C-alpha atoms as a PDB file:
ATOM      1  CA  MET A   1     112.501 -14.369 -10.108  1.00  0.00           C
ATOM      2  CA  GLU A   2     110.770 -16.464  -7.349  1.00  0.00           C
ATOM      3  CA  GLN A   3     108.830 -13.170  -6.468  1.00  0.00           C
ATOM      4  CA  ILE A   4     107.748 -12.671 -10.004  1.00  0.00           C
ATOM      5  CA  VAL A   5     106.358 -16.305 -10.049  1.00  0.00           C
ATOM      6  CA  LYS A   6     104.602 -15.748  -6.973  1.00  0.00           C
ATOM      7  CA  ILE A   7     102.900 -12.763  -8.040  1.00  0.00           C
ATOM      8  CA  LEU A   8     101.886 -14.388 -11.481  1.00  0.00           C
ATOM      9  CA  ASP A   9     100.606 -17.305  -9.943  1.00  0.00           C
ATOM     10  CA  THR A  10      98.519 -15.149  -7.384  1.00  0.00           C
ATOM     11  CA  TRP A  11      97.220 -13.093 -10.377  1.00  0.00           C
ATOM     12  CA  SER A  12      96.407 -16.266 -12.357  1.00  0.00           C
ATOM     13  CA  GLY A  13      94.572 -17.736  -9.618  1.00  0.00           C
ATOM     14  CA  THR A  14      92.550 -14.638  -9.041  1.00  0.00           C
ATOM     15  CA  ALA A  15      92.100 -13.881 -12.714  1.00  0.00           C
ATOM     16  CA  ASN A  16      90.343 -17.252 -13.235  1.00  0.00           C
ATOM     17  CA  GLN A  17      87.472 -16.174 -10.934  1.00  0.00           C
ATOM     18  CA  LEU A  18      84.492 -14.577 -12.654  1.00  0.00           C
ATOM     19  CA  ARG A  19      84.138 -11.855 -10.118  1.00  0.00           C
ATOM     20  CA  MET A  20      87.727 -10.600 -10.512  1.00  0.00           C
ATOM     21  CA  ARG A  21      87.389 -10.529 -14.180  1.00  0.00           C
ATOM     22  CA  ASP A  22      84.293  -8.611 -13.864  1.00  0.00           C
ATOM     23  CA  ARG A  23      85.764  -6.173 -11.386  1.00  0.00           C
ATOM     24  CA  SER A  24      88.847  -5.620 -13.634  1.00  0.00           C
ATOM     25  CA  VAL A  25      86.680  -4.893 -16.780  1.00  0.00           C
ATOM     26  CA  LYS A  26      84.461  -2.641 -14.332  1.00  0.00           C
ATOM     27  CA  VAL A  27      87.470  -0.634 -13.656  1.00  0.00           C
ATOM     28  CA  LEU A  28      88.411  -0.044 -17.327  1.00  0.00           C
ATOM     29  CA  GLN A  29      84.808   0.835 -17.989  1.00  0.00           C
ATOM     30  CA  TYR A  30      84.192   3.439 -15.160  1.00  0.00           C
ATOM     31  CA  GLY A  31      87.840   4.706 -15.772  1.00  0.00           C
ATOM     32  CA  CYS A  32      86.748   5.738 -19.374  1.00  0.00           C
ATOM     33  CA  GLN A  33      83.590   7.147 -18.062  1.00  0.00           C
ATOM     34  CA  MET A  34      85.462   9.052 -15.421  1.00  0.00           C
ATOM     35  CA  LEU A  35      87.839  10.358 -17.973  1.00  0.00           C
ATOM     36  CA  LEU A  36      85.224  11.497 -20.242  1.00  0.00           C
ATOM     37  CA  GLY A  37      83.237  13.151 -17.499  1.00  0.00           C
ATOM     38  CA  PHE A  38      86.191  14.941 -16.043  1.00  0.00           C
ATOM     39  CA  TYR A  39      88.351  15.773 -19.179  1.00  0.00           C
ATOM     40  CA  GLY A  40      86.206  15.090 -22.214  1.00  0.00           C
ATOM     41  CA  LYS A  41      86.311  18.400 -23.391  1.00  0.00           C
ATOM     42  CA  LYS A  42      90.011  18.535 -23.400  1.00  0.00           C
ATOM     43  CA  PHE A  43      90.205  15.612 -25.488  1.00  0.00           C
ATOM     44  CA  SER A  44      89.965  15.365 -29.170  1.00  0.00           C
ATOM     45  CA  ASN A  45      86.822  14.454 -30.791  1.00  0.00           C
ATOM     46  CA  GLU A  46      88.518  11.091 -31.915  1.00  0.00           C
ATOM     47  CA  MET A  47      89.808  10.380 -28.281  1.00  0.00           C
ATOM     48  CA  GLN A  48      86.271  11.036 -26.845  1.00  0.00           C
ATOM     49  CA  GLN A  49      84.673   8.518 -29.405  1.00  0.00           C
ATOM     50  CA  ALA A  50      87.406   5.909 -28.704  1.00  0.00           C
ATOM     51  CA  LEU A  51      86.782   6.155 -24.819  1.00  0.00           C
ATOM     52  CA  ALA A  52      83.174   6.086 -25.276  1.00  0.00           C
ATOM     53  CA  LEU A  53      83.334   3.220 -27.528  1.00  0.00           C
ATOM     54  CA  PHE A  54      85.700   1.437 -24.974  1.00  0.00           C
ATOM     55  CA  ARG A  55      83.352   2.124 -22.096  1.00  0.00           C
ATOM     56  CA  ARG A  56      80.512   0.658 -24.123  1.00  0.00           C
ATOM     57  CA  THR A  57      82.247  -2.448 -25.205  1.00  0.00           C
ATOM     58  CA  ALA A  58      83.614  -2.905 -21.574  1.00  0.00           C
ATOM     59  CA  SER A  59      79.831  -2.644 -20.440  1.00  0.00           C
ATOM     60  CA  THR A  60      78.648  -5.302 -22.967  1.00  0.00           C
ATOM     61  CA  SER A  61      81.571  -7.685 -22.004  1.00  0.00           C
ATOM     62  CA  ARG A  62      80.555  -7.371 -18.357  1.00  0.00           C
ATOM     63  CA  LYS A  63      77.029  -8.353 -19.238  1.00  0.00           C
ATOM     64  CA  ALA A  64      78.496 -11.434 -21.079  1.00  0.00           C
ATOM     65  CA  PHE A  65      80.154 -12.383 -17.770  1.00  0.00           C
ATOM     66  CA  TRP A  66      76.592 -12.242 -16.088  1.00  0.00           C
ATOM     67  CA  LEU A  67      74.858 -14.574 -18.636  1.00  0.00           C
ATOM     68  CA  LEU A  68      74.431 -17.195 -15.797  1.00  0.00           C
ATOM     69  CA  LYS A  69      74.811 -14.998 -12.874  1.00  0.00           C
ATOM     70  CA  SER A  70      71.002 -14.868 -12.389  1.00  0.00           C
ATOM     71  CA  VAL A  71      71.053 -18.699 -11.630  1.00  0.00           C
ATOM     72  CA  ASN A  72      73.205 -18.186  -8.719  1.00  0.00           C
ATOM     73  CA  HIS A  73      70.695 -15.660  -7.172  1.00  0.00           C
ATOM     74  CA  ILE A  74      67.928 -18.008  -8.059  1.00  0.00           C
ATOM     75  CA  THR A  75      69.818 -20.880  -6.134  1.00  0.00           C
ATOM     76  CA  ASN A  76      70.539 -18.656  -3.096  1.00  0.00           C
ATOM     77  CA  ALA A  77      66.683 -17.688  -3.115  1.00  0.00           C
ATOM     78  CA  ILE A  78      65.511 -21.324  -3.103  1.00  0.00           C
ATOM     79  CA  HIS A  79      67.736 -22.280  -0.096  1.00  0.00           C
ATOM     80  CA  MET A  80      66.508 -19.020   1.702  1.00  0.00           C
ATOM     81  CA  ALA A  81      62.807 -20.039   0.789  1.00  0.00           C
ATOM     82  CA  GLN A  82      63.467 -23.222   2.386  1.00  0.00           C
ATOM     83  CA  LYS A  83      64.908 -21.819   5.410  1.00  0.00           C
ATOM     84  CA  ILE A  84      62.149 -19.312   5.964  1.00  0.00           C
ATOM     85  CA  MET A  85      59.449 -22.058   5.688  1.00  0.00           C
ATOM     86  CA  PHE A  86      61.051 -23.476   9.047  1.00  0.00           C
ATOM     87  CA  GLU A  87      62.123 -20.206  10.774  1.00  0.00           C
ATOM     88  CA  PHE A  88      60.713 -16.854   9.494  1.00  0.00           C
ATOM     89  CA  SER A  89      62.508 -13.667  10.153  1.00  0.00           C
ATOM     90  CA  TRP A  90      62.183 -10.437   8.474  1.00  0.00           C
ATOM     91  CA  VAL A  91      65.943 -10.321   7.829  1.00  0.00           C
ATOM     92  CA  LEU A  92      65.882 -13.472   5.926  1.00  0.00           C
ATOM     93  CA  PHE A  93      62.558 -12.551   4.153  1.00  0.00           C
ATOM     94  CA  PHE A  94      64.421  -9.295   3.139  1.00  0.00           C
ATOM     95  CA  ASP A  95      67.500 -11.250   2.074  1.00  0.00           C
ATOM     96  CA  LEU A  96      65.256 -13.402   0.062  1.00  0.00           C
ATOM     97  CA  MET A  97      63.746 -10.671  -1.740  1.00  0.00           C
ATOM     98  CA  GLU A  98      67.014  -9.177  -2.423  1.00  0.00           C
ATOM     99  CA  GLN A  99      68.058 -12.458  -4.122  1.00  0.00           C
ATOM    100  CA  VAL A 100      64.817 -12.649  -6.229  1.00  0.00           C
ATOM    101  CA  PHE A 101      65.347  -9.034  -7.346  1.00  0.00           C
ATOM    102  CA  LEU A 102      69.082  -9.463  -8.302  1.00  0.00           C
ATOM    103  CA  ALA A 103      68.293 -12.635 -10.456  1.00  0.00           C
ATOM    104  CA  LEU A 104      65.590 -10.459 -12.231  1.00  0.00           C
ATOM    105  CA  TYR A 105      68.304  -7.704 -12.618  1.00  0.00           C
ATOM    106  CA  TYR A 106      70.653 -10.084 -14.168  1.00  0.00           C
ATOM    107  CA  VAL A 107      67.908 -11.533 -16.602  1.00  0.00           C
ATOM    108  CA  MET A 108      67.174  -7.861 -17.600  1.00  0.00           C
ATOM    109  CA  GLU A 109      70.802  -7.260 -18.144  1.00  0.00           C
ATOM    110  CA  ASN A 110      70.991 -10.367 -20.250  1.00  0.00           C
ATOM    111  CA  ILE A 111      68.351  -9.058 -22.378  1.00  0.00           C
ATOM    112  CA  VAL A 112      70.383  -5.894 -22.825  1.00  0.00           C
ATOM    113  CA  PHE A 113      73.288  -7.970 -23.818  1.00  0.00           C
ATOM    114  CA  PHE A 114      71.117  -9.879 -26.318  1.00  0.00           C
ATOM    115  CA  ILE A 115      70.017  -6.521 -27.634  1.00  0.00           C
ATOM    116  CA  ARG A 116      73.529  -5.230 -28.024  1.00  0.00           C
ATOM    117  CA  VAL A 117      74.685  -8.319 -29.905  1.00  0.00           C
ATOM    118  CA  LYS A 118      71.464  -7.938 -32.233  1.00  0.00           C
ATOM    119  CA  MET A 119      69.892 -11.302 -31.015  1.00  0.00           C
ATOM    120  CA  ILE A 120      66.878  -9.419 -29.863  1.00  0.00           C
ATOM    121  CA  SER A 121      65.481  -6.507 -32.025  1.00  0.00           C
ATOM    122  CA  TRP A 122      64.254  -4.234 -29.081  1.00  0.00           C
ATOM    123  CA  SER A 123      65.701  -1.074 -28.114  1.00  0.00           C
ATOM    124  CA  GLU A 124      67.628  -0.592 -24.610  1.00  0.00           C
ATOM    125  CA  ASP A 125      65.323   1.866 -23.897  1.00  0.00           C
ATOM    126  CA  ASP A 126      62.442  -0.764 -23.952  1.00  0.00           C
ATOM    127  CA  VAL A 127      63.908  -2.512 -20.974  1.00  0.00           C
ATOM    128  CA  ASP A 128      65.711   0.241 -19.233  1.00  0.00           C
ATOM    129  CA  PHE A 129      62.921   0.780 -16.739  1.00  0.00           C
ATOM    130  CA  GLY A 130      62.938  -2.802 -15.597  1.00  0.00           C
ATOM    131  CA  VAL A 131      66.838  -2.902 -15.428  1.00  0.00           C
ATOM    132  CA  ASN A 132      66.657   0.300 -13.058  1.00  0.00           C
ATOM    133  CA  TRP A 133      63.892  -0.843 -10.935  1.00  0.00           C
ATOM    134  CA  THR A 134      65.119  -4.406 -10.532  1.00  0.00           C
ATOM    135  CA  TRP A 135      68.477  -3.089  -9.204  1.00  0.00           C
ATOM    136  CA  PHE A 136      66.748  -0.538  -6.989  1.00  0.00           C
ATOM    137  CA  ILE A 137      64.385  -2.793  -5.352  1.00  0.00           C
ATOM    138  CA  GLY A 138      67.093  -5.336  -4.741  1.00  0.00           C
ATOM    139  CA  ASP A 139      69.188  -2.650  -3.236  1.00  0.00           C
ATOM    140  CA  PHE A 140      66.288  -1.504  -0.944  1.00  0.00           C
ATOM    141  CA  PHE A 141      65.764  -5.089   0.219  1.00  0.00           C
ATOM    142  CA  CYS A 142      69.518  -5.256   0.955  1.00  0.00           C
ATOM    143  CA  VAL A 143      69.546  -1.965   2.992  1.00  0.00           C
ATOM    144  CA  ALA A 144      66.414  -3.090   4.883  1.00  0.00           C
ATOM    145  CA  ALA A 145      68.000  -6.356   5.781  1.00  0.00           C
ATOM    146  CA  ALA A 146      71.158  -4.529   6.796  1.00  0.00           C
ATOM    147  CA  LEU A 147      69.292  -2.151   9.143  1.00  0.00           C
ATOM    148  CA  LEU A 148      67.395  -4.843  10.865  1.00  0.00           C
ATOM    149  CA  ARG A 149      70.826  -6.958  11.542  1.00  0.00           C
END
């Protein structure tokens, strides 16, 4: 019984962290996507629709987790910008740019969330370009900084 309590305490402590909740839902989201991709034709039409809905719902719930995540990246960017003013380095500059574009990415994902819950009457296609490019550019700066380290 003592081991069960320890496992439950560990899980509770981990599950209370936003990152852990996001990762747990991400496993469900991509698990459904994988099942549809590999075995979709073997499933009944009803099962395909259920998995697709589950994947979409998991994706939307992850976006809800991210509502304030851009604030974290903006805060990081401000601290990095202050540091760059005193000691410039390309690594720090690329790290700063990564934070800026990740903040923009999460803002774009927040817009997608608001579209999905019908608070904004746009189409996801209207913002898809911005979502993809902010993610790509953020990753570009991350890789550039890693290569310079």
